[in-house]
Amino acid sequence: MPSSAINSYNAAPAPERTEVGALVATWDNDDDPATPDRVDWVCSGTMIDADTFLTAAHCTTGWPENVRFFVSLDQDVQGALDAAAERHPGDPAAVAREVAVEGTAHNHPEYPGPAVDTRDISVVELPAAQVAARWSFTPATLPKAGRLAELGPQGLQDVPFTVAGYGTQESQRGPGGHTHPGGGVRLKAPVTYNALNGAWVRLQMTAPQGNGGACYGDSGGPNFAELDGKRTLVATTITGDGPCYATNVAYRLDAPGARAFLAPFVNLP
């Protein structure tokens, strides 16, 4: 199932990760499609150059035709949306414009693909001048082709990984059943290597090992690894276990499918 949040254990706020942002959407679900009646943050993602926001294709597909996508690099996107809603009651479009910058989504044309490579990747192209006027950030560094495969399972065991995003917390039991509280604030958590496949890297989120992990709302968000002394965006969160306790399944950015999709949008190493 799609992931969407950083769980609470072993997690911390990430105000320094200014390249990590939230995908915000406005859409209509009544009989008047001319004006949006909803606005919310829906996924996470990362700036990979001055005008390109990387996220997941399942975050930018399956919407009503009048959906519009925005990106915010605020630390507390939910707080910003709440404050803007008080200033612009009944006007989701104005709320989105105050909190975020509008862009154009480009989904992988072959999404959804087979399980071995679902092509679950997309970018949102943004007006660079508007982004720069609102936030300061250094775009994430992408990996060289096949870099994770070069390290192999033994080498990856010693690599520090960090997942980041705006998602909710792990499953909690309450009077009404299981819920996933929180979300909308940028957090980070350590994770450790578990397994490597052609298009996927699986990362452990197990608390006893000191790990945190991703949950609902973290889809499209970054999984960083320290490679050759540099923080590198090696994968994006796609899915995991339902309660958000065990494994983060992330789409490899060093693999051929991801690199072929990204080549028209960004300079690849």
Protein backbone atom coordinates (compact mmCIF):
# COMPACT_ATOMS: atom_id res chain seq x y z
CA MET A 1 0.00 0.00 0.00
CA PRO A 2 1.24 3.56 -0.61
CA SER A 3 3.37 5.02 2.15
CA SER A 4 2.86 8.46 3.57
CA ALA A 5 4.72 9.41 6.80
CA ILE A 6 7.70 9.26 9.11
CA ASN A 7 6.87 7.18 12.16
CA SER A 8 7.44 8.61 15.64
CA TYR A 9 10.09 6.36 17.18
CA ASN A 10 13.74 7.40 16.68
CA ALA A 11 12.55 10.31 14.50
CA ALA A 12 13.45 13.99 14.75
CA PRO A 13 12.44 17.27 13.10
CA ALA A 14 14.41 18.06 9.93
CA PRO A 15 14.45 21.86 9.52
CA GLU A 16 17.88 21.63 7.89
CA ARG A 17 16.60 19.44 5.04
CA THR A 18 15.32 22.42 3.08
CA GLU A 19 15.48 20.52 -0.22
CA VAL A 20 12.74 18.17 1.04
CA GLY A 21 9.19 19.40 0.39
CA ALA A 22 5.54 18.48 0.44
CA LEU A 23 3.30 17.95 -2.57
CA VAL A 24 0.13 20.02 -2.16
CA ALA A 25 -2.97 19.54 -4.33
CA THR A 26 -6.20 21.38 -4.96
CA TRP A 27 -9.13 19.50 -6.48
CA ASP A 28 -12.89 19.42 -6.81
CA ASN A 29 -15.27 16.74 -5.64
CA ASP A 30 -18.65 18.42 -6.03
CA ASP A 31 -20.80 19.45 -9.01
CA ASP A 32 -18.85 22.64 -9.78
CA PRO A 33 -15.49 21.63 -11.28
CA ALA A 34 -14.69 25.24 -12.20
CA THR A 35 -13.55 25.97 -8.65
CA PRO A 36 -11.60 23.66 -6.31
CA ASP A 37 -13.22 22.82 -3.01
CA ARG A 38 -10.35 20.95 -1.38
CA VAL A 39 -6.69 21.63 -0.64
CA ASP A 40 -4.26 19.42 1.26
CA TRP A 41 -0.70 18.15 1.33
CA VAL A 42 -0.69 14.64 -0.15
CA CYS A 43 2.89 13.34 -0.47
CA SER A 44 6.54 14.17 0.03
CA GLY A 45 9.38 14.78 -2.40
CA THR A 46 12.74 16.40 -3.03
CA MET A 47 14.14 19.25 -5.12
CA ILE A 48 16.77 17.73 -7.44
CA ASP A 49 17.61 20.97 -9.23
CA ALA A 50 16.40 24.56 -9.16
CA ASP A 51 13.03 23.79 -10.74
CA THR A 52 12.45 20.02 -10.49
CA PHE A 53 10.65 18.34 -7.60
CA LEU A 54 10.96 14.54 -7.51
CA THR A 55 8.11 12.46 -6.12
CA ALA A 56 6.16 9.25 -6.83
CA ALA A 57 3.82 8.64 -9.76
CA HIS A 58 1.11 7.24 -7.50
CA CYS A 59 1.06 10.70 -5.86
CA THR A 60 0.30 12.51 -9.12
CA THR A 61 -2.07 10.08 -10.87
CA GLY A 62 -5.67 9.04 -10.31
CA TRP A 63 -6.92 12.55 -9.53
CA PRO A 64 -9.94 14.45 -10.91
CA GLU A 65 -9.18 16.24 -14.16
CA ASN A 66 -9.13 19.65 -12.48
CA VAL A 67 -6.40 18.77 -9.96
CA ARG A 68 -3.57 21.29 -9.63
CA PHE A 69 -0.26 20.50 -7.99
CA PHE A 70 1.87 22.76 -5.80
CA VAL A 71 5.10 22.30 -3.86
CA SER A 72 5.97 23.75 -0.45
CA LEU A 73 9.39 23.58 1.20
CA ASP A 74 8.07 24.80 4.55
CA GLN A 75 9.03 22.81 7.63
CA ASP A 76 5.44 22.77 8.96
CA VAL A 77 3.19 22.54 5.90
CA GLN A 78 0.11 21.52 7.86
CA GLY A 79 0.47 24.55 10.12
CA ALA A 80 0.90 26.82 7.13
CA LEU A 81 -2.21 25.38 5.46
CA ASP A 82 -4.25 25.82 8.65
CA ALA A 83 -3.15 29.44 9.05
CA ALA A 84 -3.82 30.23 5.39
CA ALA A 85 -7.27 28.63 5.60
CA GLU A 86 -8.19 31.07 8.38
CA ARG A 87 -7.16 33.99 6.18
CA HIS A 88 -8.88 32.62 3.07
CA PRO A 89 -12.02 30.80 4.29
CA GLY A 90 -13.72 28.85 1.53
CA ASP A 91 -10.95 29.56 -1.00
CA PRO A 92 -8.68 26.49 -1.38
CA ALA A 93 -6.92 28.01 -4.40
CA ALA A 94 -5.84 31.05 -2.36
CA VAL A 95 -4.68 28.79 0.45
CA ALA A 96 -2.51 26.77 -1.93
CA ARG A 97 -0.99 29.88 -3.53
CA GLU A 98 -0.06 31.30 -0.14
CA VAL A 99 1.62 28.12 1.07
CA ALA A 100 3.16 26.69 -2.09
CA VAL A 101 4.27 27.25 -5.69
CA GLU A 102 2.25 25.72 -8.53
CA GLY A 103 3.91 23.40 -11.02
CA THR A 104 3.27 20.86 -13.77
CA ALA A 105 3.43 17.14 -13.03
CA HIS A 106 5.08 14.70 -15.43
CA ASN A 107 4.41 11.04 -14.62
CA HIS A 108 6.41 8.13 -15.95
CA PRO A 109 4.51 7.27 -19.15
CA GLU A 110 4.63 3.54 -18.36
CA TYR A 111 3.28 3.79 -14.81
CA PRO A 112 2.03 1.46 -13.41
CA GLY A 113 4.54 -1.06 -14.65
CA PRO A 114 5.20 -4.65 -13.55
CA ALA A 115 6.16 -5.47 -9.97
CA VAL A 116 9.84 -5.75 -10.83
CA ASP A 117 9.79 -2.07 -11.86
CA THR A 118 6.48 -0.28 -11.39
CA ARG A 119 7.86 3.00 -12.87
CA ASP A 120 6.43 4.73 -9.80
CA ILE A 121 8.25 8.01 -10.34
CA SER A 122 7.23 11.51 -11.37
CA VAL A 123 8.49 15.08 -11.26
CA VAL A 124 6.78 18.42 -10.83
CA GLU A 125 8.36 21.18 -12.90
CA LEU A 126 8.25 24.53 -11.08
CA PRO A 127 9.01 28.17 -11.95
CA ALA A 128 12.54 28.43 -10.56
CA ALA A 129 12.33 32.16 -9.84
CA GLN A 130 9.23 31.75 -7.69
CA VAL A 131 10.78 28.88 -5.74
CA ALA A 132 14.01 30.81 -5.16
CA ALA A 133 12.08 33.87 -4.00
CA ARG A 134 10.43 31.87 -1.21
CA TRP A 135 12.97 29.27 -0.05
CA SER A 136 16.71 28.72 0.09
CA PHE A 137 17.92 25.18 -0.54
CA THR A 138 20.66 23.12 -2.12
CA PRO A 139 19.26 20.50 -4.55
CA ALA A 140 19.82 16.90 -3.56
CA THR A 141 22.70 14.99 -5.11
CA LEU A 142 21.65 12.04 -7.25
CA PRO A 143 23.68 8.80 -7.42
CA LYS A 144 25.82 7.59 -10.29
CA ALA A 145 24.43 4.77 -12.42
CA GLY A 146 24.49 1.47 -10.56
CA ARG A 147 26.09 2.92 -7.44
CA LEU A 148 24.11 0.80 -4.96
CA ALA A 149 24.80 -2.33 -6.98
CA GLU A 150 28.52 -1.49 -6.93
CA LEU A 151 28.51 -1.47 -3.15
CA GLY A 152 26.57 -4.71 -2.99
CA PRO A 153 24.80 -6.15 0.05
CA GLN A 154 27.92 -6.31 2.22
CA GLY A 155 28.98 -2.75 1.47
CA LEU A 156 25.47 -1.40 1.98
CA GLN A 157 25.32 -2.90 5.48
CA ASP A 158 27.83 -0.23 6.56
CA VAL A 159 26.12 2.70 4.82
CA PRO A 160 24.10 5.15 6.97
CA PHE A 161 20.63 5.75 5.50
CA THR A 162 18.13 8.47 6.41
CA VAL A 163 14.49 8.70 5.33
CA ALA A 164 12.66 12.03 5.39
CA GLY A 165 9.15 13.25 4.72
CA TYR A 166 5.93 14.75 6.01
CA GLY A 167 3.96 11.58 6.67
CA THR A 168 1.96 10.34 9.62
CA GLN A 169 3.02 8.14 12.51
CA GLU A 170 2.90 4.38 12.85
CA SER A 171 -0.37 2.64 13.59
CA GLN A 172 -1.87 3.33 17.02
CA ARG A 173 -4.82 1.53 18.57
CA GLY A 174 -7.66 3.68 19.87
CA PRO A 175 -11.38 3.50 20.66
CA GLY A 176 -12.26 3.65 16.98
CA GLY A 177 -9.61 1.17 15.85
CA HIS A 178 -6.17 1.78 14.39
CA THR A 179 -5.23 5.32 13.32
CA HIS A 180 -2.14 7.06 11.97
CA PRO A 181 -1.85 10.40 13.81
CA GLY A 182 0.31 13.38 12.96
CA GLY A 183 1.71 14.36 9.57
CA GLY A 184 2.41 17.58 7.74
CA VAL A 185 5.71 18.38 9.48
CA ARG A 186 9.08 17.49 7.94
CA LEU A 187 10.81 14.76 9.94
CA LYS A 188 13.77 12.45 9.43
CA ALA A 189 14.71 9.04 10.81
CA PRO A 190 17.59 6.58 10.51
CA VAL A 191 17.03 3.34 8.61
CA THR A 192 19.35 0.48 7.75
CA TYR A 193 19.90 -1.68 4.71
CA ASN A 194 17.84 -4.83 4.26
CA ALA A 195 17.84 -5.95 0.60
CA LEU A 196 18.59 -4.78 -2.93
CA ASN A 197 16.62 -5.70 -6.07
CA GLY A 198 16.74 -4.46 -9.64
CA ALA A 199 14.56 -1.38 -9.11
CA TRP A 200 14.18 -1.44 -5.31
CA VAL A 201 16.11 -1.02 -2.10
CA ARG A 202 14.45 -2.28 1.08
CA LEU A 203 15.32 -0.50 4.31
CA GLN A 204 14.68 -1.69 7.85
CA MET A 205 12.49 0.46 10.12
CA THR A 206 12.80 -1.73 13.22
CA ALA A 207 12.90 0.25 16.47
CA PRO A 208 15.11 -2.16 18.50
CA GLN A 209 17.94 -1.56 16.03
CA GLY A 210 17.64 2.22 16.53
CA ASN A 211 15.76 2.72 13.27
CA GLY A 212 12.80 4.90 12.48
CA GLY A 213 11.01 4.80 9.16
CA ALA A 214 8.37 5.97 6.70
CA CYS A 215 4.59 5.83 6.88
CA TYR A 216 1.50 7.30 5.15
CA GLY A 217 2.27 10.59 3.39
CA ASP A 218 6.00 9.90 2.98
CA SER A 219 5.47 8.51 -0.52
CA GLY A 220 7.79 10.16 -3.00
CA GLY A 221 10.04 11.37 -0.21
CA PRO A 222 13.80 10.90 -0.08
CA ASN A 223 15.95 8.10 1.22
CA PHE A 224 19.46 9.50 1.63
CA ALA A 225 22.67 7.52 1.96
CA GLU A 226 26.15 8.69 2.92
CA LEU A 227 28.19 7.69 -0.14
CA ASP A 228 31.84 8.71 -0.47
CA GLY A 229 31.33 11.23 2.32
CA LYS A 230 28.39 12.94 0.63
CA ARG A 231 24.66 12.84 1.35
CA THR A 232 23.12 11.26 -1.76
CA LEU A 233 19.47 10.82 -2.68
CA VAL A 234 19.52 7.14 -3.60
CA ALA A 235 15.81 6.20 -3.55
CA THR A 236 12.26 7.46 -3.05
CA THR A 237 9.73 5.98 -0.63
CA ILE A 238 7.01 3.99 -2.40
CA THR A 239 5.46 1.43 -0.08
CA GLY A 240 5.90 -0.67 3.04
CA ASP A 241 4.05 -2.64 5.66
CA GLY A 242 0.59 -1.38 6.68
CA PRO A 243 1.33 -0.52 10.33
CA CYS A 244 4.63 1.25 9.36
CA TYR A 245 6.85 -0.80 11.68
CA ALA A 246 9.04 -3.05 9.53
CA THR A 247 10.23 -2.20 6.02
CA ASN A 248 10.41 0.81 3.72
CA VAL A 249 10.40 -0.19 0.04
CA ALA A 250 12.06 2.54 -1.99
CA TYR A 251 12.53 3.10 -5.73
CA ARG A 252 16.21 3.13 -6.70
CA LEU A 253 17.44 6.27 -8.46
CA ASP A 254 20.67 4.63 -9.63
CA ALA A 255 18.76 2.02 -11.66
CA PRO A 256 18.28 2.31 -15.44
CA GLY A 257 14.51 2.88 -15.36
CA ALA A 258 14.64 5.84 -13.00
CA ARG A 259 17.64 7.39 -14.76
CA ALA A 260 16.00 7.13 -18.19
CA PHE A 261 12.92 8.92 -16.88
CA LEU A 262 14.91 11.66 -15.11
CA ALA A 263 17.36 12.37 -17.96
CA PRO A 264 15.14 14.96 -19.76
CA PHE A 265 14.57 16.91 -16.54
CA VAL A 266 17.91 17.02 -14.72
CA ASN A 267 21.62 16.58 -15.33
CA LEU A 268 22.52 13.10 -14.12
CA PRO A 269 25.95 12.21 -12.68
